[in-house]
Protein backbone atom coordinates (compact mmCIF):
# COMPACT_ATOMS: atom_id res chain seq x y z
CA UNK A 1 15.24 54.46 -14.47
CA UNK A 2 11.68 54.45 -15.54
CA UNK A 3 11.25 50.75 -14.70
CA UNK A 4 12.54 51.33 -11.16
CA UNK A 5 9.51 53.49 -10.54
CA UNK A 6 7.34 50.40 -10.99
CA UNK A 7 9.66 47.73 -9.59
CA UNK A 8 10.22 49.29 -6.14
CA UNK A 9 6.50 49.62 -5.32
CA UNK A 10 5.94 46.07 -6.57
CA UNK A 11 8.71 44.77 -4.29
CA UNK A 12 7.32 46.72 -1.34
CA UNK A 13 3.85 45.33 -2.03
CA UNK A 14 5.22 41.78 -2.24
CA UNK A 15 7.01 42.14 1.12
CA UNK A 16 3.87 43.48 2.84
CA UNK A 17 1.74 40.74 1.25
CA UNK A 18 4.20 38.09 2.45
CA UNK A 19 4.02 39.38 6.02
CA UNK A 20 0.23 39.41 5.90
CA UNK A 21 0.12 35.89 4.51
CA UNK A 22 2.40 34.61 7.28
CA UNK A 23 0.28 36.37 9.91
CA UNK A 24 -2.98 34.98 8.55
CA UNK A 25 -1.72 31.41 8.19
CA UNK A 26 0.29 31.21 11.41
CA UNK A 27 -2.58 29.61 13.31
CA UNK A 28 -2.44 32.31 15.99
CA UNK A 29 -5.69 33.51 17.46
CA UNK A 30 -6.03 37.22 16.60
CA UNK A 31 -7.84 37.75 19.94
CA UNK A 32 -4.71 36.66 21.78
CA UNK A 33 -2.68 39.81 21.72
CA UNK A 34 0.76 39.22 23.14
CA UNK A 35 1.37 41.43 26.13
CA UNK A 36 4.83 42.73 26.99
CA UNK A 37 3.80 42.23 30.64
CA UNK A 38 3.67 38.40 30.42
CA UNK A 39 6.40 37.08 32.70
CA UNK A 40 6.86 40.44 34.40
CA UNK A 41 5.64 41.68 37.78
CA UNK A 42 2.09 42.97 37.74
CA UNK A 43 2.13 46.76 38.04
CA UNK A 44 1.49 47.93 41.58
CA UNK A 45 -1.47 50.15 42.35
CA UNK A 46 -3.59 51.24 45.27
CA UNK A 47 -7.22 51.89 44.42
CA UNK A 48 -10.39 52.46 46.43
CA UNK A 49 -12.83 49.61 46.87
CA UNK A 50 -15.96 50.02 44.79
CA UNK A 51 -18.34 49.56 47.72
CA UNK A 52 -16.19 51.42 50.27
CA UNK A 53 -14.38 54.31 48.61
CA UNK A 54 -12.72 55.22 51.92
CA UNK A 55 -10.83 51.89 51.91
CA UNK A 56 -8.03 51.04 49.50
CA UNK A 57 -6.81 47.76 48.04
CA UNK A 58 -3.52 46.73 46.47
CA UNK A 59 -2.49 43.58 44.55
CA UNK A 60 0.14 43.04 47.23
CA UNK A 61 -2.65 41.60 49.41
CA UNK A 62 -2.87 38.67 46.97
CA UNK A 63 0.82 37.74 47.37
CA UNK A 64 1.09 33.98 47.82
CA UNK A 65 -2.08 33.24 45.81
CA UNK A 66 -2.82 32.62 42.15
CA UNK A 67 -5.62 34.96 41.09
CA UNK A 68 -7.44 36.66 38.24
CA UNK A 69 -7.75 40.38 37.64
CA UNK A 70 -10.86 40.99 35.52
CA UNK A 71 -11.22 44.46 34.01
CA UNK A 72 -14.89 45.32 33.45
CA UNK A 73 -17.42 48.16 33.37
CA UNK A 74 -21.17 48.51 33.64
CA UNK A 75 -21.30 50.22 30.24
CA UNK A 76 -19.46 47.32 28.55
CA UNK A 77 -21.73 45.01 26.52
CA UNK A 78 -19.09 42.24 26.12
CA UNK A 79 -18.66 42.25 29.93
CA UNK A 80 -22.27 41.09 30.19
CA UNK A 81 -21.49 38.27 27.74
CA UNK A 82 -18.67 36.92 29.92
CA UNK A 83 -20.43 37.55 33.22
CA UNK A 84 -22.23 34.16 33.50
CA UNK A 85 -18.86 32.42 33.07
CA UNK A 86 -17.34 34.54 35.84
CA UNK A 87 -20.26 33.65 38.11
CA UNK A 88 -19.67 29.92 37.44
CA UNK A 89 -15.95 30.36 38.06
CA UNK A 90 -16.68 32.10 41.37
CA UNK A 91 -19.09 29.34 42.45
CA UNK A 92 -16.40 26.74 41.75
CA UNK A 93 -13.97 28.64 44.00
CA UNK A 94 -11.07 27.56 41.78
CA UNK A 95 -9.29 30.89 42.26
CA UNK A 96 -10.06 34.38 43.51
CA UNK A 97 -11.34 36.83 40.92
CA UNK A 98 -10.63 40.48 41.62
CA UNK A 99 -12.91 42.90 39.81
CA UNK A 100 -11.20 45.94 38.33
CA UNK A 101 -13.98 48.42 37.53
CA UNK A 102 -12.72 50.62 34.68
CA UNK A 103 -13.76 54.24 34.01
CA UNK A 104 -17.19 53.73 35.53
CA UNK A 105 -19.49 55.50 37.92
CA UNK A 106 -19.55 53.61 41.23
CA UNK A 107 -23.37 53.78 41.48
CA UNK A 108 -23.77 52.36 37.97
CA UNK A 109 -21.25 49.58 38.65
CA UNK A 110 -22.94 48.64 41.94
CA UNK A 111 -26.39 48.61 40.34
CA UNK A 112 -25.05 46.42 37.49
CA UNK A 113 -23.66 43.90 40.00
CA UNK A 114 -26.91 43.94 42.00
CA UNK A 115 -28.81 43.11 38.81
CA UNK A 116 -26.45 40.50 37.32
CA UNK A 117 -24.67 39.03 40.37
CA UNK A 118 -21.25 39.57 41.87
CA UNK A 119 -18.54 37.01 41.07
CA UNK A 120 -15.73 39.06 42.57
CA UNK A 121 -13.82 38.45 45.77
CA UNK A 122 -12.90 42.15 45.85
CA UNK A 123 -13.70 45.03 43.50
CA UNK A 124 -11.54 48.10 43.00
CA UNK A 125 -12.55 51.24 41.13
CA UNK A 126 -10.21 52.84 38.60
CA UNK A 127 -12.39 55.79 37.70
CA UNK A 128 -9.80 57.67 35.65
CA UNK A 129 -8.12 54.63 34.06
CA UNK A 130 -4.59 55.45 35.21
CA UNK A 131 -3.93 52.08 36.87
CA UNK A 132 -5.40 50.25 33.88
CA UNK A 133 -3.00 52.12 31.62
CA UNK A 134 -0.07 50.51 33.47
CA UNK A 135 -1.54 47.10 32.61
CA UNK A 136 -1.85 47.99 28.93
CA UNK A 137 -5.64 47.90 29.06
CA UNK A 138 -7.16 49.50 26.00
CA UNK A 139 -10.65 48.03 26.21
CA UNK A 140 -12.90 45.92 28.35
CA UNK A 141 -13.17 43.16 29.25
CA UNK A 142 -9.59 42.08 29.75
CA UNK A 143 -8.43 39.41 32.19
CA UNK A 144 -5.01 38.75 33.69
CA UNK A 145 -3.82 35.57 35.44
CA UNK A 146 -1.34 36.49 38.15
CA UNK A 147 0.84 33.99 40.02
CA UNK A 148 1.79 33.73 43.70
CA UNK A 149 4.78 36.03 43.23
CA UNK A 150 2.72 38.74 41.55
CA UNK A 151 3.87 37.94 38.01
CA UNK A 152 1.45 38.18 35.08
CA UNK A 153 1.28 34.77 33.41
CA UNK A 154 -1.57 35.21 30.93
CA UNK A 155 -3.69 37.96 29.43
CA UNK A 156 -7.02 37.47 27.67
CA UNK A 157 -8.60 40.26 25.65
CA UNK A 158 -12.35 40.12 25.20
CA UNK A 159 -15.03 38.10 26.95
CA UNK A 160 -13.96 34.94 28.75
CA UNK A 161 -15.60 31.82 27.35
CA UNK A 162 -16.16 28.33 28.70
CA UNK A 163 -13.33 27.13 26.47
CA UNK A 164 -10.83 29.78 27.55
CA UNK A 165 -11.57 29.09 31.21
CA UNK A 166 -11.48 25.29 30.88
CA UNK A 167 -8.64 24.98 28.38
CA UNK A 168 -6.32 27.81 29.41
CA UNK A 169 -7.06 29.65 32.65
CA UNK A 170 -7.86 26.76 35.00
CA UNK A 171 -5.04 24.46 33.82
CA UNK A 172 -2.55 27.34 34.06
CA UNK A 173 -3.85 28.35 37.49
CA UNK A 174 -3.63 24.77 38.76
CA UNK A 175 -0.06 24.41 37.47
CA UNK A 176 0.95 27.73 39.04
CA UNK A 177 -0.60 26.76 42.39
CA UNK A 178 1.64 23.69 42.72
């Protein structure tokens, strides 16, 4: 009996260590967090426009187009890191980028865009974070690629990079547009 007291914890430790080893050597990028929303319809919402709070916007207006939903905030330092890449993407007009301003003050968000440039086709304001919750957003920036039928095809957590845009987002967007 006494040896069981030591054997069971050792077995439990070995099982946990095996799972960790598999996770670390699987070649998966830890920044790519699988989303249960991939392959499912993007959650519907109606939010006010950042610049015109008396007007609302819904993803339904993008039906028939492949587009990006970029969740950002003026208080988000990593959002500033990805911002030059979003500006380049917008200049290339490869696909519409909808800005989803998350838990931010509209005046601060507008001032941030005035200072750094506006890559967004449209910007909605989710001041309380309720719509973002439906998308599984737990931090910013996060970016979703949504197809013509309104289905989420890809989610990127963290700042977009040249490589992510060139190697993943644009090829996927082009394939979905066909």
